[in-house]
Amino acid sequence: MRLLTVFILFTFLSSSASAEIPPTIHLKVSGHTLSAEVAYKKESRIRGLMYRNSMGKNSGMLFVFPEAAIHSMWMINTYIPLSIAFLDKDGIILNIIDMSPHTRTKNSAASKAKYALEMNLGWFSSRDIKAGKKITGLEKAPNAE
């Protein structure tokens, strides 16, 4: 029995240690600086901000997609109300959508997006950031896997 307990504990610790923490980069838009975790791997893009209860005031998550396309996001298992900005390959905001927690509503880019940036609900509007603005610092993000 003790051997089984040790094996289960080792397996749990090994799987917890392999859970990768996404890298963080700093981005700028309209004179505002934000810190974004970068979801550049398929697994991190799928998980996104699910199961989190809060996020820092100027923190968010940048999704890096393998190709520019009409990407869509939803809020299944996401507890935080969010605003999402879809960005083209040059970092220009295509559109911004406010999203409600625990919904299956498909929120899509207005045209081909290479990135999506999720921030706390109202972050963009409270800073008068709209479609057409450029987000800088994206070159620091890892390439999508």
C-alpha atoms as a PDB file:
ATOM      1  CA  MET A   1       0.000   0.000   0.000  1.00  0.00           C
ATOM      2  CA  ARG A   2       2.824   2.401   0.849  1.00  0.00           C
ATOM      3  CA  LEU A   3       4.414   1.758  -2.552  1.00  0.00           C
ATOM      4  CA  LEU A   4       1.118   2.591  -4.290  1.00  0.00           C
ATOM      5  CA  THR A   5       0.815   5.834  -2.281  1.00  0.00           C
ATOM      6  CA  VAL A   6       4.363   6.857  -3.213  1.00  0.00           C
ATOM      7  CA  PHE A   7       3.674   6.065  -6.892  1.00  0.00           C
ATOM      8  CA  ILE A   8       0.463   8.151  -6.900  1.00  0.00           C
ATOM      9  CA  LEU A   9       2.224  11.078  -5.179  1.00  0.00           C
ATOM     10  CA  PHE A  10       5.145  10.895  -7.638  1.00  0.00           C
ATOM     11  CA  THR A  11       2.745  10.808 -10.600  1.00  0.00           C
ATOM     12  CA  PHE A  12       0.827  13.823  -9.264  1.00  0.00           C
ATOM     13  CA  LEU A  13       3.983  15.845  -8.646  1.00  0.00           C
ATOM     14  CA  SER A  14       5.394  14.945 -12.056  1.00  0.00           C
ATOM     15  CA  SER A  15       2.243  16.020 -13.872  1.00  0.00           C
ATOM     16  CA  SER A  16       2.034  19.231 -11.829  1.00  0.00           C
ATOM     17  CA  ALA A  17       5.658  20.061 -12.581  1.00  0.00           C
ATOM     18  CA  SER A  18       5.093  19.543 -16.298  1.00  0.00           C
ATOM     19  CA  ALA A  19       2.208  22.055 -16.342  1.00  0.00           C
ATOM     20  CA  GLU A  20       3.966  24.876 -18.112  1.00  0.00           C
ATOM     21  CA  ILE A  21       3.550  28.457 -16.970  1.00  0.00           C
ATOM     22  CA  PRO A  22       3.011  30.646 -20.049  1.00  0.00           C
ATOM     23  CA  PRO A  23       5.646  33.325 -20.680  1.00  0.00           C
ATOM     24  CA  THR A  24       4.665  36.931 -20.000  1.00  0.00           C
ATOM     25  CA  ILE A  25       5.435  39.934 -22.206  1.00  0.00           C
ATOM     26  CA  HIS A  26       4.721  43.651 -21.958  1.00  0.00           C
ATOM     27  CA  LEU A  27       2.603  45.289 -24.653  1.00  0.00           C
ATOM     28  CA  LYS A  28       1.670  48.914 -25.301  1.00  0.00           C
ATOM     29  CA  VAL A  29      -1.374  50.544 -26.835  1.00  0.00           C
ATOM     30  CA  SER A  30      -2.358  54.229 -26.853  1.00  0.00           C
ATOM     31  CA  GLY A  31       0.178  55.060 -24.126  1.00  0.00           C
ATOM     32  CA  HIS A  32      -0.964  52.231 -21.845  1.00  0.00           C
ATOM     33  CA  THR A  33       1.304  49.344 -20.835  1.00  0.00           C
ATOM     34  CA  LEU A  34      -0.063  45.908 -20.017  1.00  0.00           C
ATOM     35  CA  SER A  35       1.367  42.549 -19.041  1.00  0.00           C
ATOM     36  CA  ALA A  36       0.137  39.557 -21.055  1.00  0.00           C
ATOM     37  CA  GLU A  37       0.589  35.847 -20.544  1.00  0.00           C
ATOM     38  CA  VAL A  38       1.233  34.347 -23.969  1.00  0.00           C
ATOM     39  CA  ALA A  39      -0.861  31.359 -25.037  1.00  0.00           C
ATOM     40  CA  TYR A  40       1.177  30.207 -28.027  1.00  0.00           C
ATOM     41  CA  LYS A  41       0.828  26.436 -27.669  1.00  0.00           C
ATOM     42  CA  LYS A  42      -2.358  24.611 -28.653  1.00  0.00           C
ATOM     43  CA  GLU A  43      -2.991  23.429 -25.082  1.00  0.00           C
ATOM     44  CA  SER A  44      -2.640  26.930 -23.617  1.00  0.00           C
ATOM     45  CA  ARG A  45      -4.865  28.432 -26.336  1.00  0.00           C
ATOM     46  CA  ILE A  46      -7.564  25.847 -25.547  1.00  0.00           C
ATOM     47  CA  ARG A  47      -7.372  26.468 -21.782  1.00  0.00           C
ATOM     48  CA  GLY A  48      -7.026  30.248 -21.999  1.00  0.00           C
ATOM     49  CA  LEU A  49      -8.250  31.909 -18.810  1.00  0.00           C
ATOM     50  CA  MET A  50     -10.587  29.080 -17.790  1.00  0.00           C
ATOM     51  CA  TYR A  51     -11.023  28.366 -14.077  1.00  0.00           C
ATOM     52  CA  ARG A  52      -9.418  31.621 -12.900  1.00  0.00           C
ATOM     53  CA  ASN A  53     -11.222  33.831 -10.409  1.00  0.00           C
ATOM     54  CA  SER A  54      -9.413  37.098 -11.066  1.00  0.00           C
ATOM     55  CA  MET A  55      -6.761  38.848 -13.108  1.00  0.00           C
ATOM     56  CA  GLY A  56      -4.560  41.867 -12.396  1.00  0.00           C
ATOM     57  CA  LYS A  57      -5.769  45.358 -13.341  1.00  0.00           C
ATOM     58  CA  ASN A  58      -3.414  45.702 -16.329  1.00  0.00           C
ATOM     59  CA  SER A  59      -2.938  41.996 -17.001  1.00  0.00           C
ATOM     60  CA  GLY A  60      -4.311  39.837 -19.767  1.00  0.00           C
ATOM     61  CA  MET A  61      -3.701  36.905 -22.069  1.00  0.00           C
ATOM     62  CA  LEU A  62      -2.373  37.129 -25.607  1.00  0.00           C
ATOM     63  CA  PHE A  63      -3.361  34.262 -27.905  1.00  0.00           C
ATOM     64  CA  VAL A  64      -0.927  33.663 -30.776  1.00  0.00           C
ATOM     65  CA  PHE A  65      -2.467  31.672 -33.615  1.00  0.00           C
ATOM     66  CA  PRO A  66      -0.496  29.604 -36.149  1.00  0.00           C
ATOM     67  CA  GLU A  67      -2.138  31.458 -39.034  1.00  0.00           C
ATOM     68  CA  ALA A  68      -4.205  34.574 -39.636  1.00  0.00           C
ATOM     69  CA  ALA A  69      -7.846  33.495 -39.952  1.00  0.00           C
ATOM     70  CA  ILE A  70     -11.341  34.275 -38.667  1.00  0.00           C
ATOM     71  CA  HIS A  71     -10.687  32.910 -35.170  1.00  0.00           C
ATOM     72  CA  SER A  72     -13.442  32.623 -32.565  1.00  0.00           C
ATOM     73  CA  MET A  73     -13.413  32.479 -28.773  1.00  0.00           C
ATOM     74  CA  TRP A  74     -16.007  31.491 -26.171  1.00  0.00           C
ATOM     75  CA  MET A  75     -16.310  31.632 -22.389  1.00  0.00           C
ATOM     76  CA  ILE A  76     -17.020  28.045 -21.321  1.00  0.00           C
ATOM     77  CA  ASN A  77     -15.568  27.492 -17.805  1.00  0.00           C
ATOM     78  CA  THR A  78     -14.348  31.093 -17.692  1.00  0.00           C
ATOM     79  CA  TYR A  79     -15.304  32.913 -14.485  1.00  0.00           C
ATOM     80  CA  ILE A  80     -13.978  36.406 -15.290  1.00  0.00           C
ATOM     81  CA  PRO A  81     -15.947  38.801 -17.529  1.00  0.00           C
ATOM     82  CA  LEU A  82     -13.586  39.744 -20.349  1.00  0.00           C
ATOM     83  CA  SER A  83     -13.127  42.057 -23.312  1.00  0.00           C
ATOM     84  CA  ILE A  84     -11.306  40.588 -26.299  1.00  0.00           C
ATOM     85  CA  ALA A  85      -9.472  42.460 -29.027  1.00  0.00           C
ATOM     86  CA  PHE A  86      -8.712  40.585 -32.229  1.00  0.00           C
ATOM     87  CA  LEU A  87      -5.521  41.814 -33.925  1.00  0.00           C
ATOM     88  CA  ASP A  88      -4.142  41.430 -37.423  1.00  0.00           C
ATOM     89  CA  LYS A  89      -0.570  40.284 -38.121  1.00  0.00           C
ATOM     90  CA  ASP A  90       0.691  43.866 -37.661  1.00  0.00           C
ATOM     91  CA  GLY A  91      -1.005  44.342 -34.273  1.00  0.00           C
ATOM     92  CA  ILE A  92      -3.856  46.534 -35.525  1.00  0.00           C
ATOM     93  CA  ILE A  93      -7.062  45.981 -33.542  1.00  0.00           C
ATOM     94  CA  LEU A  94      -9.739  44.603 -35.862  1.00  0.00           C
ATOM     95  CA  ASN A  95     -12.598  44.546 -33.362  1.00  0.00           C
ATOM     96  CA  ILE A  96     -13.268  44.413 -29.626  1.00  0.00           C
ATOM     97  CA  ILE A  97     -16.017  42.308 -28.053  1.00  0.00           C
ATOM     98  CA  ASP A  98     -17.234  42.209 -24.430  1.00  0.00           C
ATOM     99  CA  MET A  99     -17.821  38.643 -23.247  1.00  0.00           C
ATOM    100  CA  SER A 100     -19.851  37.235 -20.346  1.00  0.00           C
ATOM    101  CA  PRO A 101     -18.648  34.350 -18.159  1.00  0.00           C
ATOM    102  CA  HIS A 102     -19.936  30.793 -18.661  1.00  0.00           C
ATOM    103  CA  THR A 103     -21.409  31.427 -22.112  1.00  0.00           C
ATOM    104  CA  ARG A 104     -21.136  29.416 -25.297  1.00  0.00           C
ATOM    105  CA  THR A 105     -21.525  32.466 -27.522  1.00  0.00           C
ATOM    106  CA  LYS A 106     -19.033  32.380 -30.383  1.00  0.00           C
ATOM    107  CA  ASN A 107     -17.119  35.681 -30.469  1.00  0.00           C
ATOM    108  CA  SER A 108     -15.289  36.081 -33.782  1.00  0.00           C
ATOM    109  CA  ALA A 109     -12.705  38.313 -35.396  1.00  0.00           C
ATOM    110  CA  ALA A 110     -14.099  40.837 -37.892  1.00  0.00           C
ATOM    111  CA  SER A 111     -11.456  39.721 -40.414  1.00  0.00           C
ATOM    112  CA  LYS A 112      -8.305  37.591 -40.455  1.00  0.00           C
ATOM    113  CA  ALA A 113      -6.659  37.771 -37.014  1.00  0.00           C
ATOM    114  CA  LYS A 114      -3.212  36.524 -36.017  1.00  0.00           C
ATOM    115  CA  TYR A 115      -3.667  37.421 -32.326  1.00  0.00           C
ATOM    116  CA  ALA A 116      -6.371  37.874 -29.715  1.00  0.00           C
ATOM    117  CA  LEU A 117      -5.881  39.815 -26.475  1.00  0.00           C
ATOM    118  CA  GLU A 118      -8.194  39.151 -23.525  1.00  0.00           C
ATOM    119  CA  MET A 119      -8.361  41.751 -20.760  1.00  0.00           C
ATOM    120  CA  ASN A 120     -10.731  42.402 -17.854  1.00  0.00           C
ATOM    121  CA  LEU A 121     -14.164  43.563 -19.020  1.00  0.00           C
ATOM    122  CA  GLY A 122     -14.099  47.237 -19.999  1.00  0.00           C
ATOM    123  CA  TRP A 123     -10.296  47.588 -20.040  1.00  0.00           C
ATOM    124  CA  PHE A 124     -10.256  48.801 -23.660  1.00  0.00           C
ATOM    125  CA  SER A 125     -13.317  51.068 -23.464  1.00  0.00           C
ATOM    126  CA  SER A 126     -12.205  52.733 -20.209  1.00  0.00           C
ATOM    127  CA  ARG A 127      -9.004  53.787 -22.009  1.00  0.00           C
ATOM    128  CA  ASP A 128     -10.786  54.811 -25.231  1.00  0.00           C
ATOM    129  CA  ILE A 129      -8.996  52.064 -27.180  1.00  0.00           C
ATOM    130  CA  LYS A 130     -10.922  51.105 -30.302  1.00  0.00           C
ATOM    131  CA  ALA A 131     -10.545  49.225 -33.566  1.00  0.00           C
ATOM    132  CA  GLY A 132      -7.744  50.689 -35.681  1.00  0.00           C
ATOM    133  CA  LYS A 133      -5.329  51.249 -32.772  1.00  0.00           C
ATOM    134  CA  LYS A 134      -1.978  49.428 -32.898  1.00  0.00           C
ATOM    135  CA  ILE A 135      -0.638  47.212 -30.124  1.00  0.00           C
ATOM    136  CA  THR A 136       3.159  47.152 -29.970  1.00  0.00           C
ATOM    137  CA  GLY A 137       5.499  44.581 -28.464  1.00  0.00           C
ATOM    138  CA  LEU A 138       4.039  41.562 -30.268  1.00  0.00           C
ATOM    139  CA  GLU A 139       7.456  40.701 -31.714  1.00  0.00           C
ATOM    140  CA  LYS A 140       8.443  39.554 -28.188  1.00  0.00           C
ATOM    141  CA  ALA A 141       5.787  36.810 -28.280  1.00  0.00           C
ATOM    142  CA  PRO A 142       6.894  33.257 -29.141  1.00  0.00           C
ATOM    143  CA  ASN A 143       5.684  31.873 -32.464  1.00  0.00           C
ATOM    144  CA  ALA A 144       2.584  29.707 -32.347  1.00  0.00           C
ATOM    145  CA  GLU A 145       3.068  25.970 -31.989  1.00  0.00           C
END
